[in-house]
Amino acid sequence: MAGHEYSAADITVLEFDEAVRKRPGMYFEVGLDDPRLPMKLLEAAARHALHPATRVAEVHSLVAAIDILDDLCFQVTIKQRHAWADSPLLGYFDSLIGPEWWLLAAIATLCGTTSVDVWSEDRAFRQELTGLRPSGPPERIGSPMGSGIRIAFTLDEQILPAGTALPTELESLDAHGPDCAPGGPGYVLVHDHRPDSRSSIRLS
């Protein structure tokens, strides 16, 4: 039987957010139907903060906080310097999340809404996203002290299994993985602000 000859017509090119939703296991180790997915998203955020792109910072050098605000909502704040002048550098789909934070961008693709703040010295910008797609351009806001990025993720309950929630057992979170040797000044503080939990853990 003659073999099938492939051409460009046989190739489907997916946008980044479509690719993540189609094969989430490539990014988070589990599928959309796995109840562990919210925990894996927290771990992904912590790992990315401790293992940023080389152009952002050295491994295990950044300080970050993850705040669990509700069963499907958490916020990641990372202290980092930005290399932009008067306007922020735009990333995926002209959003404030660039490819240097590709794993945080992957988390956003599984969200109903995402809010991003970036600031450096006296300049700060905010942008609201639907998933990873901007609802509009970045807007100037009052600038906090220092330099950093804050992303608030609200997971899309229509994508996740019914009843799925962010974990309350924080001790099992893994911020490194099998090929990482912990060490360095960086760390991630995880705080659970839900009334029935109120737990915290430091990952370093």
N, C-alpha and C. Protein backbone atom coordinates (compact mmCIF):
# COMPACT_ATOMS: atom_id res chain seq x y z
N MET A 1 0.85 -1.19 0.00
CA MET A 1 0.00 0.00 0.00
C MET A 1 0.88 1.23 0.00
N ALA A 2 0.61 2.15 -0.89
CA ALA A 2 1.43 3.35 -1.00
C ALA A 2 1.28 4.19 0.26
N GLY A 3 2.41 4.77 0.71
CA GLY A 3 2.39 5.62 1.89
C GLY A 3 1.71 6.96 1.59
N HIS A 4 1.18 7.55 2.65
CA HIS A 4 0.51 8.84 2.49
C HIS A 4 1.55 9.94 2.43
N GLU A 5 1.44 10.81 1.47
CA GLU A 5 2.35 11.95 1.35
C GLU A 5 1.74 13.16 2.04
N TYR A 6 2.47 13.68 3.02
CA TYR A 6 1.98 14.82 3.78
C TYR A 6 2.35 16.12 3.09
N SER A 7 1.47 17.08 3.23
CA SER A 7 1.73 18.41 2.68
C SER A 7 1.32 19.44 3.73
N ALA A 8 1.49 20.69 3.39
CA ALA A 8 1.13 21.76 4.32
C ALA A 8 -0.35 21.70 4.70
N ALA A 9 -1.17 21.14 3.82
CA ALA A 9 -2.61 21.05 4.11
C ALA A 9 -2.90 20.08 5.25
N ASP A 10 -1.94 19.17 5.58
CA ASP A 10 -2.14 18.21 6.65
C ASP A 10 -1.70 18.76 8.01
N ILE A 11 -1.11 19.93 8.03
CA ILE A 11 -0.55 20.49 9.26
C ILE A 11 -1.51 21.54 9.83
N THR A 12 -1.86 21.38 11.09
CA THR A 12 -2.69 22.35 11.78
C THR A 12 -1.82 23.12 12.77
N VAL A 13 -1.72 24.42 12.60
CA VAL A 13 -0.93 25.26 13.49
C VAL A 13 -1.86 25.86 14.55
N LEU A 14 -1.59 25.53 15.80
CA LEU A 14 -2.43 26.01 16.89
C LEU A 14 -1.82 27.25 17.53
N GLU A 15 -2.67 28.19 17.93
CA GLU A 15 -2.20 29.31 18.73
C GLU A 15 -1.79 28.77 20.10
N PHE A 16 -0.99 29.57 20.84
CA PHE A 16 -0.44 29.10 22.11
C PHE A 16 -1.54 28.65 23.07
N ASP A 17 -2.59 29.45 23.23
CA ASP A 17 -3.63 29.08 24.19
C ASP A 17 -4.39 27.83 23.75
N GLU A 18 -4.60 27.68 22.44
CA GLU A 18 -5.26 26.48 21.94
C GLU A 18 -4.41 25.24 22.19
N ALA A 19 -3.09 25.39 22.01
CA ALA A 19 -2.17 24.27 22.22
C ALA A 19 -2.17 23.81 23.67
N VAL A 20 -2.20 24.77 24.61
CA VAL A 20 -2.20 24.41 26.03
C VAL A 20 -3.48 23.68 26.39
N ARG A 21 -4.62 24.18 25.94
CA ARG A 21 -5.89 23.53 26.27
C ARG A 21 -6.02 22.16 25.62
N LYS A 22 -5.37 21.98 24.47
CA LYS A 22 -5.44 20.69 23.78
C LYS A 22 -4.56 19.64 24.45
N ARG A 23 -3.36 20.07 24.93
CA ARG A 23 -2.43 19.14 25.57
C ARG A 23 -1.88 19.74 26.86
N PRO A 24 -2.72 19.92 27.88
CA PRO A 24 -2.25 20.52 29.13
C PRO A 24 -1.21 19.69 29.85
N GLY A 25 -1.19 18.38 29.61
CA GLY A 25 -0.21 17.53 30.26
C GLY A 25 1.22 17.89 29.91
N MET A 26 1.44 18.49 28.74
CA MET A 26 2.78 18.91 28.35
C MET A 26 3.28 20.05 29.22
N TYR A 27 2.38 20.79 29.84
CA TYR A 27 2.73 21.95 30.64
C TYR A 27 2.57 21.68 32.14
N PHE A 28 1.57 20.88 32.50
CA PHE A 28 1.22 20.72 33.91
C PHE A 28 1.22 19.26 34.38
N GLU A 29 1.60 18.33 33.53
CA GLU A 29 1.76 16.92 33.87
C GLU A 29 0.44 16.16 34.00
N VAL A 30 -0.69 16.84 34.00
CA VAL A 30 -1.99 16.16 34.10
C VAL A 30 -2.96 16.77 33.10
N GLY A 31 -4.04 16.05 32.83
CA GLY A 31 -5.04 16.52 31.88
C GLY A 31 -6.12 17.36 32.52
N LEU A 32 -7.01 17.88 31.69
CA LEU A 32 -8.08 18.76 32.16
C LEU A 32 -9.07 18.02 33.05
N ASP A 33 -9.16 16.70 32.92
CA ASP A 33 -10.13 15.94 33.71
C ASP A 33 -9.54 15.41 35.01
N ASP A 34 -8.30 15.79 35.31
CA ASP A 34 -7.63 15.30 36.52
C ASP A 34 -7.89 16.26 37.68
N PRO A 35 -8.43 15.79 38.81
CA PRO A 35 -8.71 16.69 39.93
C PRO A 35 -7.46 17.32 40.54
N ARG A 36 -6.28 16.81 40.19
CA ARG A 36 -5.03 17.40 40.70
C ARG A 36 -4.60 18.63 39.92
N LEU A 37 -5.31 18.96 38.85
CA LEU A 37 -4.88 20.07 38.00
C LEU A 37 -4.69 21.38 38.76
N PRO A 38 -5.63 21.83 39.61
CA PRO A 38 -5.40 23.09 40.33
C PRO A 38 -4.12 23.08 41.15
N MET A 39 -3.79 21.96 41.80
CA MET A 39 -2.55 21.86 42.55
C MET A 39 -1.35 21.99 41.61
N LYS A 40 -1.43 21.37 40.45
CA LYS A 40 -0.34 21.43 39.48
C LYS A 40 -0.15 22.86 38.96
N LEU A 41 -1.24 23.63 38.87
CA LEU A 41 -1.12 25.01 38.44
C LEU A 41 -0.38 25.83 39.50
N LEU A 42 -0.67 25.60 40.78
CA LEU A 42 0.07 26.28 41.85
C LEU A 42 1.54 25.91 41.79
N GLU A 43 1.83 24.63 41.60
CA GLU A 43 3.22 24.19 41.51
C GLU A 43 3.93 24.82 40.32
N ALA A 44 3.22 24.91 39.19
CA ALA A 44 3.82 25.51 38.00
C ALA A 44 4.18 26.97 38.25
N ALA A 45 3.30 27.71 38.92
CA ALA A 45 3.58 29.11 39.22
C ALA A 45 4.79 29.24 40.13
N ALA A 46 4.87 28.39 41.17
CA ALA A 46 6.00 28.43 42.09
C ALA A 46 7.30 28.04 41.39
N ARG A 47 7.25 27.01 40.57
CA ARG A 47 8.46 26.57 39.86
C ARG A 47 8.96 27.65 38.91
N HIS A 48 8.03 28.31 38.25
CA HIS A 48 8.44 29.33 37.28
C HIS A 48 9.06 30.54 37.99
N ALA A 49 8.56 30.85 39.19
CA ALA A 49 9.14 31.95 39.95
C ALA A 49 10.55 31.63 40.41
N LEU A 50 10.80 30.36 40.76
CA LEU A 50 12.12 29.96 41.22
C LEU A 50 13.06 29.59 40.08
N HIS A 51 12.51 29.36 38.90
CA HIS A 51 13.32 28.98 37.75
C HIS A 51 12.93 29.84 36.54
N PRO A 52 13.17 31.15 36.63
CA PRO A 52 12.76 32.05 35.54
C PRO A 52 13.66 31.91 34.32
N ALA A 53 13.24 32.51 33.24
CA ALA A 53 14.08 32.57 32.05
C ALA A 53 15.41 33.25 32.41
N THR A 54 16.48 32.83 31.76
CA THR A 54 17.81 33.35 32.11
C THR A 54 17.90 34.86 31.92
N ARG A 55 17.13 35.43 31.00
CA ARG A 55 17.19 36.87 30.78
C ARG A 55 16.43 37.65 31.86
N VAL A 56 15.66 36.95 32.68
CA VAL A 56 14.93 37.59 33.77
C VAL A 56 15.78 37.62 35.03
N ALA A 57 16.29 36.46 35.44
CA ALA A 57 17.07 36.38 36.68
C ALA A 57 17.71 35.00 36.77
N GLU A 58 18.64 34.85 37.69
CA GLU A 58 19.27 33.56 37.94
C GLU A 58 18.30 32.63 38.65
N VAL A 59 18.53 31.34 38.50
CA VAL A 59 17.71 30.34 39.17
C VAL A 59 17.78 30.54 40.69
N HIS A 60 16.66 30.39 41.36
CA HIS A 60 16.55 30.47 42.82
C HIS A 60 17.01 31.83 43.37
N SER A 61 16.75 32.90 42.61
CA SER A 61 17.17 34.22 43.07
C SER A 61 16.01 35.18 43.33
N LEU A 62 14.81 34.88 42.81
CA LEU A 62 13.69 35.80 42.94
C LEU A 62 12.86 35.48 44.19
N VAL A 63 12.18 36.50 44.69
CA VAL A 63 11.25 36.34 45.80
C VAL A 63 9.84 36.53 45.26
N ALA A 64 8.94 35.62 45.63
CA ALA A 64 7.58 35.66 45.09
C ALA A 64 6.58 35.27 46.18
N ALA A 65 5.33 35.61 45.92
CA ALA A 65 4.23 35.23 46.81
C ALA A 65 3.09 34.70 45.97
N ILE A 66 2.47 33.64 46.45
CA ILE A 66 1.26 33.10 45.83
C ILE A 66 0.16 33.18 46.88
N ASP A 67 -0.90 33.92 46.57
CA ASP A 67 -2.02 34.10 47.49
C ASP A 67 -3.25 33.39 46.93
N ILE A 68 -3.73 32.40 47.66
CA ILE A 68 -4.96 31.70 47.28
C ILE A 68 -6.12 32.49 47.84
N LEU A 69 -6.93 33.06 46.97
CA LEU A 69 -7.99 33.97 47.36
C LEU A 69 -9.36 33.30 47.44
N ASP A 70 -9.54 32.24 46.67
CA ASP A 70 -10.82 31.53 46.63
C ASP A 70 -10.53 30.13 46.08
N ASP A 71 -11.55 29.30 45.99
CA ASP A 71 -11.34 27.94 45.52
C ASP A 71 -10.80 27.88 44.10
N LEU A 72 -11.10 28.89 43.29
CA LEU A 72 -10.64 28.89 41.90
C LEU A 72 -9.85 30.15 41.55
N CYS A 73 -9.37 30.87 42.54
CA CYS A 73 -8.68 32.13 42.27
C CYS A 73 -7.40 32.22 43.09
N PHE A 74 -6.28 32.48 42.41
CA PHE A 74 -5.03 32.74 43.12
C PHE A 74 -4.23 33.81 42.40
N GLN A 75 -3.34 34.43 43.16
CA GLN A 75 -2.58 35.58 42.67
C GLN A 75 -1.09 35.31 42.88
N VAL A 76 -0.30 35.61 41.85
CA VAL A 76 1.15 35.42 41.90
C VAL A 76 1.82 36.78 41.80
N THR A 77 2.69 37.10 42.76
CA THR A 77 3.44 38.35 42.76
C THR A 77 4.92 38.02 42.79
N ILE A 78 5.67 38.54 41.82
CA ILE A 78 7.10 38.25 41.72
C ILE A 78 7.87 39.56 41.68
N LYS A 79 8.85 39.68 42.54
CA LYS A 79 9.73 40.85 42.52
C LYS A 79 10.78 40.64 41.44
N GLN A 80 10.73 41.47 40.40
CA GLN A 80 11.70 41.36 39.31
C GLN A 80 11.87 42.72 38.65
N ARG A 81 13.04 42.96 38.11
CA ARG A 81 13.29 44.21 37.39
C ARG A 81 12.83 44.06 35.95
N HIS A 82 12.27 45.15 35.40
CA HIS A 82 11.82 45.15 34.02
C HIS A 82 12.78 45.99 33.17
N ALA A 83 12.98 45.54 31.94
CA ALA A 83 13.92 46.21 31.05
C ALA A 83 13.22 47.10 30.04
N TRP A 84 12.09 47.74 30.45
CA TRP A 84 11.40 48.63 29.53
C TRP A 84 11.49 50.07 30.03
N ALA A 85 11.32 50.99 29.11
CA ALA A 85 11.46 52.42 29.45
C ALA A 85 10.09 53.03 29.72
N ASP A 86 9.51 53.73 28.74
CA ASP A 86 8.24 54.42 28.95
C ASP A 86 7.03 53.51 28.79
N SER A 87 7.16 52.45 28.01
CA SER A 87 6.03 51.55 27.77
C SER A 87 6.48 50.12 28.03
N PRO A 88 5.58 49.26 28.52
CA PRO A 88 5.96 47.87 28.79
C PRO A 88 6.11 47.09 27.49
N LEU A 89 6.93 46.05 27.55
CA LEU A 89 7.06 45.16 26.41
C LEU A 89 5.87 44.21 26.39
N LEU A 90 5.23 44.06 25.25
CA LEU A 90 4.04 43.21 25.14
C LEU A 90 4.43 41.82 24.66
N GLY A 91 3.67 40.82 25.13
CA GLY A 91 3.99 39.44 24.82
C GLY A 91 2.87 38.76 24.05
N TYR A 92 2.38 37.64 24.56
CA TYR A 92 1.37 36.85 23.86
C TYR A 92 0.11 37.67 23.56
N PHE A 93 -0.26 37.71 22.30
CA PHE A 93 -1.47 38.39 21.85
C PHE A 93 -1.50 39.86 22.31
N ASP A 94 -0.31 40.49 22.40
CA ASP A 94 -0.18 41.87 22.89
C ASP A 94 -0.62 42.01 24.34
N SER A 95 -0.36 40.98 25.12
CA SER A 95 -0.65 41.04 26.55
C SER A 95 0.61 41.40 27.32
N LEU A 96 0.44 41.68 28.60
CA LEU A 96 1.57 42.00 29.47
C LEU A 96 2.33 40.76 29.93
N ILE A 97 1.88 39.57 29.52
CA ILE A 97 2.60 38.34 29.86
C ILE A 97 3.43 37.93 28.65
N GLY A 98 4.73 38.07 28.77
CA GLY A 98 5.62 37.75 27.66
C GLY A 98 6.13 36.32 27.72
N PRO A 99 6.85 35.89 26.68
CA PRO A 99 7.34 34.51 26.63
C PRO A 99 8.35 34.17 27.72
N GLU A 100 8.94 35.18 28.37
CA GLU A 100 9.83 34.88 29.49
C GLU A 100 9.06 34.28 30.67
N TRP A 101 7.73 34.48 30.68
CA TRP A 101 6.86 33.90 31.69
C TRP A 101 5.87 32.95 31.02
N TRP A 102 6.39 32.08 30.15
CA TRP A 102 5.53 31.24 29.32
C TRP A 102 4.65 30.30 30.16
N LEU A 103 5.14 29.84 31.32
CA LEU A 103 4.33 28.92 32.10
C LEU A 103 3.19 29.65 32.81
N LEU A 104 3.41 30.90 33.23
CA LEU A 104 2.33 31.71 33.76
C LEU A 104 1.30 32.00 32.66
N ALA A 105 1.80 32.22 31.45
CA ALA A 105 0.89 32.42 30.31
C ALA A 105 0.06 31.17 30.07
N ALA A 106 0.68 30.00 30.24
CA ALA A 106 -0.06 28.75 30.05
C ALA A 106 -1.17 28.61 31.08
N ILE A 107 -0.92 29.02 32.32
CA ILE A 107 -1.96 28.99 33.35
C ILE A 107 -3.12 29.88 32.93
N ALA A 108 -2.81 31.06 32.39
CA ALA A 108 -3.86 32.01 31.99
C ALA A 108 -4.79 31.41 30.94
N THR A 109 -4.29 30.51 30.12
CA THR A 109 -5.15 29.94 29.08
C THR A 109 -6.27 29.09 29.67
N LEU A 110 -6.14 28.67 30.93
CA LEU A 110 -7.17 27.86 31.57
C LEU A 110 -8.06 28.71 32.49
N CYS A 111 -7.99 30.02 32.32
CA CYS A 111 -8.73 30.94 33.18
C CYS A 111 -9.87 31.61 32.44
N GLY A 112 -10.92 31.94 33.20
CA GLY A 112 -11.98 32.76 32.62
C GLY A 112 -11.50 34.20 32.50
N THR A 113 -10.87 34.70 33.58
CA THR A 113 -10.31 36.05 33.56
C THR A 113 -8.92 36.02 34.18
N THR A 114 -8.09 36.95 33.70
CA THR A 114 -6.73 37.11 34.22
C THR A 114 -6.46 38.61 34.30
N SER A 115 -5.90 39.05 35.40
CA SER A 115 -5.54 40.46 35.57
C SER A 115 -4.04 40.55 35.79
N VAL A 116 -3.38 41.44 35.04
CA VAL A 116 -1.92 41.55 35.11
C VAL A 116 -1.50 42.98 35.45
N ASP A 117 -0.64 43.12 36.44
CA ASP A 117 0.00 44.40 36.77
C ASP A 117 1.50 44.23 36.60
N VAL A 118 2.15 45.20 35.95
CA VAL A 118 3.61 45.24 35.92
C VAL A 118 4.05 46.63 36.32
N TRP A 119 5.14 46.73 37.05
CA TRP A 119 5.61 48.03 37.50
C TRP A 119 7.12 48.04 37.62
N SER A 120 7.69 49.21 37.42
CA SER A 120 9.13 49.41 37.55
C SER A 120 9.37 50.88 37.84
N GLU A 121 9.99 51.15 38.98
CA GLU A 121 10.27 52.51 39.42
C GLU A 121 8.97 53.32 39.47
N ASP A 122 8.80 54.34 38.63
CA ASP A 122 7.60 55.17 38.73
C ASP A 122 6.60 54.88 37.61
N ARG A 123 6.70 53.73 36.95
CA ARG A 123 5.78 53.39 35.87
C ARG A 123 5.09 52.06 36.18
N ALA A 124 3.78 52.04 35.99
CA ALA A 124 3.03 50.81 36.23
C ALA A 124 1.87 50.71 35.26
N PHE A 125 1.55 49.48 34.86
CA PHE A 125 0.49 49.24 33.90
C PHE A 125 -0.36 48.05 34.35
N ARG A 126 -1.62 48.08 33.98
CA ARG A 126 -2.55 46.99 34.28
C ARG A 126 -3.28 46.62 33.00
N GLN A 127 -3.58 45.33 32.89
CA GLN A 127 -4.33 44.84 31.73
C GLN A 127 -5.24 43.69 32.17
N GLU A 128 -6.47 43.72 31.70
CA GLU A 128 -7.42 42.65 31.96
C GLU A 128 -7.46 41.73 30.74
N LEU A 129 -7.46 40.43 31.01
CA LEU A 129 -7.46 39.44 29.96
C LEU A 129 -8.64 38.49 30.11
N THR A 130 -9.11 37.96 29.00
CA THR A 130 -10.02 36.82 29.01
C THR A 130 -9.18 35.62 28.64
N GLY A 131 -8.88 34.78 29.64
CA GLY A 131 -7.87 33.75 29.42
C GLY A 131 -6.53 34.43 29.26
N LEU A 132 -5.93 34.29 28.07
CA LEU A 132 -4.68 34.96 27.75
C LEU A 132 -4.88 36.10 26.74
N ARG A 133 -6.12 36.30 26.31
CA ARG A 133 -6.42 37.30 25.28
C ARG A 133 -6.82 38.63 25.92
N PRO A 134 -6.12 39.72 25.61
CA PRO A 134 -6.43 41.01 26.23
C PRO A 134 -7.83 41.50 25.91
N SER A 135 -8.48 42.09 26.92
CA SER A 135 -9.76 42.76 26.71
C SER A 135 -9.55 44.17 26.18
N GLY A 136 -8.33 44.67 26.28
CA GLY A 136 -7.97 46.00 25.80
C GLY A 136 -6.49 46.22 26.04
N PRO A 137 -5.96 47.37 25.64
CA PRO A 137 -4.54 47.65 25.83
C PRO A 137 -4.21 47.90 27.30
N PRO A 138 -2.93 47.83 27.69
CA PRO A 138 -2.55 48.15 29.07
C PRO A 138 -2.90 49.59 29.42
N GLU A 139 -3.26 49.82 30.68
CA GLU A 139 -3.58 51.15 31.17
C GLU A 139 -2.62 51.54 32.29
N ARG A 140 -2.28 52.83 32.34
CA ARG A 140 -1.40 53.31 33.39
C ARG A 140 -2.13 53.29 34.73
N ILE A 141 -1.41 52.88 35.77
CA ILE A 141 -1.94 52.89 37.13
C ILE A 141 -0.89 53.46 38.06
N GLY A 142 -1.25 53.71 39.30
CA GLY A 142 -0.28 54.15 40.28
C GLY A 142 0.76 53.07 40.53
N SER A 143 2.01 53.48 40.69
CA SER A 143 3.10 52.51 40.77
C SER A 143 3.43 52.15 42.21
N PRO A 144 3.44 50.85 42.55
CA PRO A 144 3.93 50.43 43.86
C PRO A 144 5.44 50.66 43.95
N MET A 145 6.00 50.42 45.11
CA MET A 145 7.44 50.52 45.29
C MET A 145 8.14 49.38 44.56
N GLY A 146 9.35 49.65 44.12
CA GLY A 146 10.16 48.60 43.52
C GLY A 146 9.75 48.26 42.11
N SER A 147 9.95 46.98 41.75
CA SER A 147 9.68 46.52 40.41
C SER A 147 9.15 45.09 40.49
N GLY A 148 8.13 44.79 39.69
CA GLY A 148 7.60 43.44 39.76
C GLY A 148 6.45 43.19 38.81
N ILE A 149 5.88 42.01 38.94
CA ILE A 149 4.72 41.60 38.15
C ILE A 149 3.75 40.88 39.08
N ARG A 150 2.46 41.13 38.90
CA ARG A 150 1.41 40.46 39.68
C ARG A 150 0.34 39.98 38.72
N ILE A 151 0.00 38.72 38.81
CA ILE A 151 -1.02 38.15 37.93
C ILE A 151 -2.07 37.46 38.80
N ALA A 152 -3.33 37.85 38.63
CA ALA A 152 -4.44 37.22 39.34
C ALA A 152 -5.17 36.30 38.36
N PHE A 153 -5.20 35.02 38.70
CA PHE A 153 -5.82 34.00 37.85
C PHE A 153 -7.16 33.58 38.45
N THR A 154 -8.21 33.61 37.65
CA THR A 154 -9.50 33.02 38.05
C THR A 154 -9.78 31.87 37.10
N LEU A 155 -9.63 30.66 37.59
CA LEU A 155 -9.75 29.48 36.74
C LEU A 155 -11.15 29.35 36.16
N ASP A 156 -11.21 28.85 34.95
CA ASP A 156 -12.48 28.69 34.24
C ASP A 156 -13.17 27.41 34.71
N GLU A 157 -14.23 27.53 35.48
CA GLU A 157 -14.90 26.35 36.02
C GLU A 157 -15.57 25.51 34.94
N GLN A 158 -15.74 26.06 33.76
CA GLN A 158 -16.32 25.28 32.67
C GLN A 158 -15.29 24.33 32.06
N ILE A 159 -14.00 24.61 32.29
CA ILE A 159 -12.94 23.75 31.78
C ILE A 159 -12.60 22.64 32.77
N LEU A 160 -12.60 22.96 34.07
CA LEU A 160 -12.18 22.03 35.10
C LEU A 160 -13.30 21.05 35.47
N PRO A 161 -12.93 19.91 36.05
CA PRO A 161 -13.96 18.97 36.52
C PRO A 161 -14.86 19.61 37.58
N ALA A 162 -16.11 19.22 37.63
CA ALA A 162 -17.06 19.79 38.58
C ALA A 162 -16.56 19.58 40.01
N GLY A 163 -16.64 20.63 40.82
CA GLY A 163 -16.24 20.53 42.21
C GLY A 163 -14.76 20.68 42.46
N THR A 164 -13.96 20.87 41.41
CA THR A 164 -12.52 21.00 41.57
C THR A 164 -12.19 22.31 42.27
N ALA A 165 -11.18 22.28 43.15
CA ALA A 165 -10.78 23.48 43.88
C ALA A 165 -9.28 23.45 44.12
N LEU A 166 -8.72 24.61 44.38
CA LEU A 166 -7.32 24.70 44.75
C LEU A 166 -7.11 23.95 46.06
N PRO A 167 -5.94 23.32 46.24
CA PRO A 167 -5.73 22.45 47.40
C PRO A 167 -5.63 23.23 48.71
N THR A 168 -5.98 22.56 49.79
CA THR A 168 -5.81 23.12 51.13
C THR A 168 -4.56 22.54 51.81
N GLU A 169 -4.08 21.41 51.30
CA GLU A 169 -2.87 20.78 51.85
C GLU A 169 -1.67 21.33 51.10
N LEU A 170 -1.06 22.38 51.62
CA LEU A 170 0.04 23.05 50.93
C LEU A 170 1.38 22.34 51.10
N GLU A 171 1.49 21.48 52.11
CA GLU A 171 2.77 20.84 52.40
C GLU A 171 3.25 19.95 51.26
N SER A 172 2.32 19.49 50.42
CA SER A 172 2.70 18.57 49.34
C SER A 172 3.13 19.30 48.07
N LEU A 173 3.10 20.62 48.05
CA LEU A 173 3.47 21.35 46.84
C LEU A 173 4.96 21.17 46.54
N ASP A 174 5.28 20.90 45.29
CA ASP A 174 6.66 20.71 44.84
C ASP A 174 7.04 21.85 43.91
N ALA A 175 7.98 22.68 44.34
CA ALA A 175 8.38 23.84 43.54
C ALA A 175 9.64 23.58 42.72
N HIS A 176 10.12 22.35 42.68
CA HIS A 176 11.39 22.10 42.01
C HIS A 176 11.33 21.01 40.95
N GLY A 177 10.85 19.85 41.25
CA GLY A 177 10.89 18.77 40.30
C GLY A 177 12.13 17.91 40.49
N PRO A 178 12.22 16.79 39.76
CA PRO A 178 13.28 15.81 40.02
C PRO A 178 14.68 16.25 39.60
N ASP A 179 14.79 17.19 38.68
CA ASP A 179 16.10 17.55 38.15
C ASP A 179 16.64 18.85 38.71
N CYS A 180 16.10 19.31 39.83
CA CYS A 180 16.50 20.59 40.39
C CYS A 180 17.12 20.37 41.77
N ALA A 181 18.24 21.06 42.02
CA ALA A 181 18.87 21.04 43.34
C ALA A 181 18.52 22.34 44.05
N PRO A 182 17.66 22.31 45.07
CA PRO A 182 17.29 23.53 45.78
C PRO A 182 18.50 24.24 46.37
N GLY A 183 18.39 25.55 46.44
CA GLY A 183 19.48 26.35 47.01
C GLY A 183 19.49 27.73 46.41
N GLY A 184 19.87 28.73 47.19
CA GLY A 184 19.89 30.11 46.72
C GLY A 184 18.99 30.97 47.57
N PRO A 185 19.05 32.28 47.39
CA PRO A 185 18.30 33.20 48.24
C PRO A 185 16.81 33.31 47.89
N GLY A 186 16.40 32.81 46.76
CA GLY A 186 15.02 32.97 46.34
C GLY A 186 14.07 32.05 47.09
N TYR A 187 12.81 32.46 47.16
CA TYR A 187 11.78 31.63 47.79
C TYR A 187 10.40 32.11 47.35
N VAL A 188 9.41 31.25 47.60
CA VAL A 188 8.02 31.57 47.30
C VAL A 188 7.21 31.35 48.57
N LEU A 189 6.49 32.37 49.00
CA LEU A 189 5.57 32.24 50.13
C LEU A 189 4.17 31.98 49.59
N VAL A 190 3.56 30.89 50.05
CA VAL A 190 2.21 30.54 49.62
C VAL A 190 1.27 30.76 50.81
N HIS A 191 0.28 31.62 50.63
CA HIS A 191 -0.69 31.93 51.68
C HIS A 191 -2.08 31.53 51.20
N ASP A 192 -2.80 30.80 52.02
CA ASP A 192 -4.19 30.45 51.73
C ASP A 192 -5.09 31.37 52.56
N HIS A 193 -5.80 32.27 51.90
CA HIS A 193 -6.62 33.27 52.58
C HIS A 193 -8.07 32.83 52.76
N ARG A 194 -8.42 31.62 52.35
CA ARG A 194 -9.80 31.17 52.51
C ARG A 194 -10.13 31.00 54.00
N PRO A 195 -11.32 31.38 54.41
CA PRO A 195 -11.67 31.37 55.84
C PRO A 195 -11.48 30.02 56.52
N ASP A 196 -11.71 28.92 55.78
CA ASP A 196 -11.63 27.60 56.39
C ASP A 196 -10.24 27.00 56.33
N SER A 197 -9.24 27.80 55.90
CA SER A 197 -7.89 27.26 55.77
C SER A 197 -6.87 28.10 56.53
N ARG A 198 -6.55 29.29 56.00
CA ARG A 198 -5.61 30.21 56.64
C ARG A 198 -4.25 29.56 56.90
N SER A 199 -3.73 28.80 55.95
CA SER A 199 -2.43 28.16 56.11
C SER A 199 -1.39 28.85 55.22
N SER A 200 -0.11 28.64 55.54
CA SER A 200 0.97 29.25 54.79
C SER A 200 2.14 28.27 54.72
N ILE A 201 2.95 28.42 53.68
CA ILE A 201 4.14 27.61 53.56
C ILE A 201 5.18 28.38 52.76
N ARG A 202 6.44 28.15 53.08
CA ARG A 202 7.54 28.76 52.33
C ARG A 202 8.23 27.68 51.50
N LEU A 203 8.33 27.94 50.18
CA LEU A 203 8.99 27.03 49.26
C LEU A 203 10.29 27.66 48.81
N SER A 204 11.40 26.95 49.00
CA SER A 204 12.71 27.51 48.61
C SER A 204 13.64 26.41 48.13
